[in-house]
């Protein structure tokens, strides 16, 4: 099984993620033991299976970049 590290603003903020759902302006993730974490005002920008990374970006930062 492939477990992902969640990266936000260049920092690892959660690990061992096996489930992710993007919904409106938030991302919900769940790890292998069932713990969930919600990242409001974020979007998934990269799913990198080779490096087991799920990279998020703040919706605000994306809007500023234009």
PDB file of N, CA and C in Angstrom:
ATOM      1  N   UNK A   1       0.846  -1.175   0.000  1.00  0.00           N
ATOM      2  CA  UNK A   1       0.000   0.000   0.000  1.00  0.00           C
ATOM      3  C   UNK A   1       0.894   1.242   0.000  1.00  0.00           C
ATOM      4  N   UNK A   2       0.398   2.316  -0.555  1.00  0.00           N
ATOM      5  CA  UNK A   2       1.149   3.560  -0.638  1.00  0.00           C
ATOM      6  C   UNK A   2       0.569   4.568   0.350  1.00  0.00           C
ATOM      7  N   UNK A   3       1.367   4.974   1.309  1.00  0.00           N
ATOM      8  CA  UNK A   3       0.943   5.996   2.264  1.00  0.00           C
ATOM      9  C   UNK A   3       1.654   7.305   1.916  1.00  0.00           C
ATOM     10  N   UNK A   4       0.896   8.382   1.949  1.00  0.00           N
ATOM     11  CA  UNK A   4       1.415   9.685   1.547  1.00  0.00           C
ATOM     12  C   UNK A   4       1.765  10.559   2.738  1.00  0.00           C
ATOM     13  N   UNK A   5       2.750  11.417   2.522  1.00  0.00           N
ATOM     14  CA  UNK A   5       3.025  12.537   3.434  1.00  0.00           C
ATOM     15  C   UNK A   5       2.292  13.735   2.860  1.00  0.00           C
ATOM     16  N   UNK A   6       1.617  14.490   3.715  1.00  0.00           N
ATOM     17  CA  UNK A   6       0.920  15.693   3.273  1.00  0.00           C
ATOM     18  C   UNK A   6       1.857  16.873   3.488  1.00  0.00           C
ATOM     19  N   UNK A   7       2.085  17.629   2.419  1.00  0.00           N
ATOM     20  CA  UNK A   7       2.981  18.772   2.448  1.00  0.00           C
ATOM     21  C   UNK A   7       2.155  20.038   2.219  1.00  0.00           C
ATOM     22  N   UNK A   8       2.299  21.007   3.124  1.00  0.00           N
ATOM     23  CA  UNK A   8       1.631  22.297   2.986  1.00  0.00           C
ATOM     24  C   UNK A   8       2.648  23.386   3.276  1.00  0.00           C
ATOM     25  N   UNK A   9       2.793  24.321   2.366  1.00  0.00           N
ATOM     26  CA  UNK A   9       3.770  25.405   2.504  1.00  0.00           C
ATOM     27  C   UNK A   9       5.180  24.872   2.745  1.00  0.00           C
ATOM     28  N   UNK A  10       5.515  23.770   2.063  1.00  0.00           N
ATOM     29  CA  UNK A  10       6.854  23.205   2.168  1.00  0.00           C
ATOM     30  C   UNK A  10       7.124  22.412   3.428  1.00  0.00           C
ATOM     31  N   UNK A  11       6.114  22.233   4.274  1.00  0.00           N
ATOM     32  CA  UNK A  11       6.269  21.535   5.541  1.00  0.00           C
ATOM     33  C   UNK A  11       5.407  20.287   5.581  1.00  0.00           C
ATOM     34  N   UNK A  12       5.940  19.203   6.126  1.00  0.00           N
ATOM     35  CA  UNK A  12       5.133  18.003   6.317  1.00  0.00           C
ATOM     36  C   UNK A  12       4.164  18.246   7.478  1.00  0.00           C
ATOM     37  N   UNK A  13       2.873  18.115   7.205  1.00  0.00           N
ATOM     38  CA  UNK A  13       1.870  18.421   8.229  1.00  0.00           C
ATOM     39  C   UNK A  13       1.061  17.196   8.664  1.00  0.00           C
ATOM     40  N   UNK A  14       1.194  16.080   7.950  1.00  0.00           N
ATOM     41  CA  UNK A  14       0.475  14.855   8.291  1.00  0.00           C
ATOM     42  C   UNK A  14       1.134  13.736   7.512  1.00  0.00           C
ATOM     43  N   UNK A  15       1.053  12.508   8.015  1.00  0.00           N
ATOM     44  CA  UNK A  15       1.711  11.410   7.311  1.00  0.00           C
ATOM     45  C   UNK A  15       0.885  10.133   7.358  1.00  0.00           C
ATOM     46  N   UNK A  16       1.319   9.149   6.599  1.00  0.00           N
ATOM     47  CA  UNK A  16       0.673   7.841   6.499  1.00  0.00           C
ATOM     48  C   UNK A  16      -0.760   7.942   5.983  1.00  0.00           C
ATOM     49  N   UNK A  17      -0.983   8.875   5.069  1.00  0.00           N
ATOM     50  CA  UNK A  17      -2.318   9.115   4.518  1.00  0.00           C
ATOM     51  C   UNK A  17      -2.634   8.073   3.443  1.00  0.00           C
ATOM     52  N   UNK A  18      -3.838   7.482   3.577  1.00  0.00           N
ATOM     53  CA  UNK A  18      -4.292   6.495   2.598  1.00  0.00           C
ATOM     54  C   UNK A  18      -5.578   6.943   1.895  1.00  0.00           C
ATOM     55  N   UNK A  19      -6.144   8.079   2.322  1.00  0.00           N
ATOM     56  CA  UNK A  19      -7.394   8.586   1.749  1.00  0.00           C
ATOM     57  C   UNK A  19      -7.348  10.103   1.725  1.00  0.00           C
ATOM     58  N   UNK A  20      -7.779  10.683   0.620  1.00  0.00           N
ATOM     59  CA  UNK A  20      -7.860  12.144   0.517  1.00  0.00           C
ATOM     60  C   UNK A  20      -9.094  12.503  -0.298  1.00  0.00           C
ATOM     61  N   UNK A  21      -9.783  13.547   0.132  1.00  0.00           N
ATOM     62  CA  UNK A  21     -10.959  14.024  -0.588  1.00  0.00           C
ATOM     63  C   UNK A  21     -10.917  15.543  -0.632  1.00  0.00           C
ATOM     64  N   UNK A  22     -10.969  16.086  -1.839  1.00  0.00           N
ATOM     65  CA  UNK A  22     -11.038  17.534  -2.027  1.00  0.00           C
ATOM     66  C   UNK A  22     -12.506  17.894  -2.179  1.00  0.00           C
ATOM     67  N   UNK A  23     -12.965  18.859  -1.386  1.00  0.00           N
ATOM     68  CA  UNK A  23     -14.374  19.232  -1.390  1.00  0.00           C
ATOM     69  C   UNK A  23     -14.475  20.744  -1.245  1.00  0.00           C
ATOM     70  N   UNK A  24     -14.953  21.415  -2.283  1.00  0.00           N
ATOM     71  CA  UNK A  24     -15.073  22.872  -2.278  1.00  0.00           C
ATOM     72  C   UNK A  24     -13.742  23.515  -1.931  1.00  0.00           C
ATOM     73  N   UNK A  25     -13.661  24.126  -0.779  1.00  0.00           N
ATOM     74  CA  UNK A  25     -12.457  24.859  -0.367  1.00  0.00           C
ATOM     75  C   UNK A  25     -11.728  24.168   0.782  1.00  0.00           C
ATOM     76  N   UNK A  26     -11.758  22.832   0.822  1.00  0.00           N
ATOM     77  CA  UNK A  26     -11.047  22.116   1.877  1.00  0.00           C
ATOM     78  C   UNK A  26     -10.583  20.766   1.369  1.00  0.00           C
ATOM     79  N   UNK A  27      -9.635  20.184   2.093  1.00  0.00           N
ATOM     80  CA  UNK A  27      -9.152  18.841   1.793  1.00  0.00           C
ATOM     81  C   UNK A  27      -9.242  18.036   3.090  1.00  0.00           C
ATOM     82  N   UNK A  28      -9.841  16.860   3.003  1.00  0.00           N
ATOM     83  CA  UNK A  28      -9.956  15.953   4.132  1.00  0.00           C
ATOM     84  C   UNK A  28      -9.044  14.768   3.861  1.00  0.00           C
ATOM     85  N   UNK A  29      -8.206  14.400   4.844  1.00  0.00           N
ATOM     86  CA  UNK A  29      -7.320  13.249   4.690  1.00  0.00           C
ATOM     87  C   UNK A  29      -7.485  12.313   5.885  1.00  0.00           C
ATOM     88  N   UNK A  30      -7.187  11.021   5.640  1.00  0.00           N
ATOM     89  CA  UNK A  30      -7.282  10.012   6.694  1.00  0.00           C
ATOM     90  C   UNK A  30      -6.040   9.149   6.643  1.00  0.00           C
ATOM     91  N   UNK A  31      -5.483   8.833   7.809  1.00  0.00           N
ATOM     92  CA  UNK A  31      -4.280   8.006   7.842  1.00  0.00           C
ATOM     93  C   UNK A  31      -4.631   6.530   8.027  1.00  0.00           C
ATOM     94  N   UNK A  32      -3.610   5.691   8.121  1.00  0.00           N
ATOM     95  CA  UNK A  32      -3.798   4.246   8.182  1.00  0.00           C
ATOM     96  C   UNK A  32      -4.536   3.776   9.425  1.00  0.00           C
ATOM     97  N   UNK A  33      -4.508   4.548  10.503  1.00  0.00           N
ATOM     98  CA  UNK A  33      -5.222   4.134  11.719  1.00  0.00           C
ATOM     99  C   UNK A  33      -6.590   4.811  11.855  1.00  0.00           C
ATOM    100  N   UNK A  34      -6.985   5.576  10.825  1.00  0.00           N
ATOM    101  CA  UNK A  34      -8.316   6.175  10.815  1.00  0.00           C
ATOM    102  C   UNK A  34      -8.406   7.591  11.335  1.00  0.00           C
ATOM    103  N   UNK A  35      -7.286   8.169  11.747  1.00  0.00           N
ATOM    104  CA  UNK A  35      -7.298   9.568  12.197  1.00  0.00           C
ATOM    105  C   UNK A  35      -7.509  10.462  10.978  1.00  0.00           C
ATOM    106  N   UNK A  36      -8.380  11.453  11.134  1.00  0.00           N
ATOM    107  CA  UNK A  36      -8.641  12.369  10.022  1.00  0.00           C
ATOM    108  C   UNK A  36      -8.168  13.772  10.368  1.00  0.00           C
ATOM    109  N   UNK A  37      -7.877  14.500   9.335  1.00  0.00           N
ATOM    110  CA  UNK A  37      -7.510  15.907   9.492  1.00  0.00           C
ATOM    111  C   UNK A  37      -8.089  16.667   8.318  1.00  0.00           C
ATOM    112  N   UNK A  38      -8.599  17.849   8.599  1.00  0.00           N
ATOM    113  CA  UNK A  38      -9.177  18.703   7.572  1.00  0.00           C
ATOM    114  C   UNK A  38      -8.289  19.921   7.380  1.00  0.00           C
ATOM    115  N   UNK A  39      -8.064  20.265   6.117  1.00  0.00           N
ATOM    116  CA  UNK A  39      -7.269  21.437   5.779  1.00  0.00           C
ATOM    117  C   UNK A  39      -8.180  22.424   5.052  1.00  0.00           C
ATOM    118  N   UNK A  40      -8.731  23.383   5.810  1.00  0.00           N
ATOM    119  CA  UNK A  40      -9.638  24.356   5.187  1.00  0.00           C
ATOM    120  C   UNK A  40      -8.881  25.306   4.266  1.00  0.00           C
ATOM    121  N   UNK A  41      -9.582  25.832   3.303  1.00  0.00           N
ATOM    122  CA  UNK A  41      -9.019  26.801   2.339  1.00  0.00           C
ATOM    123  C   UNK A  41      -7.788  26.254   1.626  1.00  0.00           C
ATOM    124  N   UNK A  42      -7.800  24.949   1.317  1.00  0.00           N
ATOM    125  CA  UNK A  42      -6.681  24.323   0.614  1.00  0.00           C
ATOM    126  C   UNK A  42      -7.184  23.510  -0.564  1.00  0.00           C
ATOM    127  N   UNK A  43      -6.261  23.287  -1.508  1.00  0.00           N
ATOM    128  CA  UNK A  43      -6.525  22.434  -2.662  1.00  0.00           C
ATOM    129  C   UNK A  43      -5.349  21.487  -2.853  1.00  0.00           C
ATOM    130  N   UNK A  44      -5.624  20.321  -3.423  1.00  0.00           N
ATOM    131  CA  UNK A  44      -4.558  19.388  -3.793  1.00  0.00           C
ATOM    132  C   UNK A  44      -3.973  19.885  -5.105  1.00  0.00           C
ATOM    133  N   UNK A  45      -2.659  20.110  -5.129  1.00  0.00           N
ATOM    134  CA  UNK A  45      -2.039  20.569  -6.371  1.00  0.00           C
ATOM    135  C   UNK A  45      -1.151  19.508  -7.011  1.00  0.00           C
ATOM    136  N   UNK A  46      -0.611  18.585  -6.199  1.00  0.00           N
ATOM    137  CA  UNK A  46       0.231  17.519  -6.750  1.00  0.00           C
ATOM    138  C   UNK A  46      -0.004  16.228  -5.967  1.00  0.00           C
ATOM    139  N   UNK A  47      -0.168  15.131  -6.695  1.00  0.00           N
ATOM    140  CA  UNK A  47      -0.155  13.788  -6.114  1.00  0.00           C
ATOM    141  C   UNK A  47       1.065  13.109  -6.710  1.00  0.00           C
ATOM    142  N   UNK A  48       2.073  12.887  -5.880  1.00  0.00           N
ATOM    143  CA  UNK A  48       3.351  12.341  -6.333  1.00  0.00           C
ATOM    144  C   UNK A  48       3.531  10.943  -5.730  1.00  0.00           C
ATOM    145  N   UNK A  49       3.158   9.920  -6.496  1.00  0.00           N
ATOM    146  CA  UNK A  49       3.224   8.551  -6.007  1.00  0.00           C
ATOM    147  C   UNK A  49       4.674   8.106  -5.814  1.00  0.00           C
ATOM    148  N   UNK A  50       5.558   8.488  -6.728  1.00  0.00           N
ATOM    149  CA  UNK A  50       6.966   8.070  -6.617  1.00  0.00           C
ATOM    150  C   UNK A  50       7.606   8.537  -5.317  1.00  0.00           C
ATOM    151  N   UNK A  51       7.254   9.735  -4.863  1.00  0.00           N
ATOM    152  CA  UNK A  51       7.823  10.265  -3.623  1.00  0.00           C
ATOM    153  C   UNK A  51       6.849  10.206  -2.451  1.00  0.00           C
ATOM    154  N   UNK A  52       5.704   9.566  -2.653  1.00  0.00           N
ATOM    155  CA  UNK A  52       4.674   9.390  -1.620  1.00  0.00           C
ATOM    156  C   UNK A  52       4.292  10.725  -0.975  1.00  0.00           C
ATOM    157  N   UNK A  53       4.049  11.726  -1.829  1.00  0.00           N
ATOM    158  CA  UNK A  53       3.690  13.056  -1.337  1.00  0.00           C
ATOM    159  C   UNK A  53       2.359  13.516  -1.918  1.00  0.00           C
ATOM    160  N   UNK A  54       1.567  14.131  -1.051  1.00  0.00           N
ATOM    161  CA  UNK A  54       0.328  14.788  -1.433  1.00  0.00           C
ATOM    162  C   UNK A  54       0.544  16.258  -1.094  1.00  0.00           C
ATOM    163  N   UNK A  55       0.702  17.087  -2.110  1.00  0.00           N
ATOM    164  CA  UNK A  55       1.076  18.478  -1.880  1.00  0.00           C
ATOM    165  C   UNK A  55      -0.152  19.366  -1.976  1.00  0.00           C
ATOM    166  N   UNK A  56      -0.367  20.141  -0.929  1.00  0.00           N
ATOM    167  CA  UNK A  56      -1.495  21.053  -0.851  1.00  0.00           C
ATOM    168  C   UNK A  56      -1.015  22.481  -0.999  1.00  0.00           C
ATOM    169  N   UNK A  57      -1.932  23.344  -1.424  1.00  0.00           N
ATOM    170  CA  UNK A  57      -1.654  24.778  -1.463  1.00  0.00           C
ATOM    171  C   UNK A  57      -2.866  25.488  -0.895  1.00  0.00           C
ATOM    172  N   UNK A  58      -2.605  26.554  -0.205  1.00  0.00           N
ATOM    173  CA  UNK A  58      -3.679  27.397   0.312  1.00  0.00           C
ATOM    174  C   UNK A  58      -4.403  28.036  -0.856  1.00  0.00           C
ATOM    175  N   UNK A  59      -5.717  28.015  -0.834  1.00  0.00           N
ATOM    176  CA  UNK A  59      -6.502  28.638  -1.898  1.00  0.00           C
ATOM    177  C   UNK A  59      -6.171  30.126  -1.996  1.00  0.00           C
ATOM    178  N   UNK A  60      -5.888  30.760  -0.874  1.00  0.00           N
ATOM    179  CA  UNK A  60      -5.526  32.183  -0.868  1.00  0.00           C
ATOM    180  C   UNK A  60      -4.236  32.414  -1.630  1.00  0.00           C
ATOM    181  N   UNK A  61      -3.253  31.542  -1.418  1.00  0.00           N
ATOM    182  CA  UNK A  61      -1.969  31.695  -2.101  1.00  0.00           C
ATOM    183  C   UNK A  61      -2.141  31.492  -3.609  1.00  0.00           C
ATOM    184  N   UNK A  62      -3.003  30.558  -4.000  1.00  0.00           N
ATOM    185  CA  UNK A  62      -3.237  30.315  -5.421  1.00  0.00           C
ATOM    186  C   UNK A  62      -3.899  31.523  -6.073  1.00  0.00           C
ATOM    187  N   UNK A  63      -4.831  32.162  -5.390  1.00  0.00           N
ATOM    188  CA  UNK A  63      -5.510  33.341  -5.932  1.00  0.00           C
ATOM    189  C   UNK A  63      -4.540  34.505  -6.099  1.00  0.00           C
ATOM    190  N   UNK A  64      -3.591  34.650  -5.164  1.00  0.00           N
ATOM    191  CA  UNK A  64      -2.624  35.748  -5.228  1.00  0.00           C
ATOM    192  C   UNK A  64      -1.679  35.561  -6.415  1.00  0.00           C
ATOM    193  N   UNK A  65      -1.343  34.292  -6.722  1.00  0.00           N
ATOM    194  CA  UNK A  65      -0.438  34.029  -7.842  1.00  0.00           C
ATOM    195  C   UNK A  65      -1.110  34.289  -9.174  1.00  0.00           C
ATOM    196  N   UNK A  66      -2.452  34.282  -9.152  1.00  0.00           N
ATOM    197  CA  UNK A  66      -3.198  34.655 -10.336  1.00  0.00           C
ATOM    198  C   UNK A  66      -3.440  33.595 -11.296  1.00  0.00           C
TER     199      UNK A  66
END
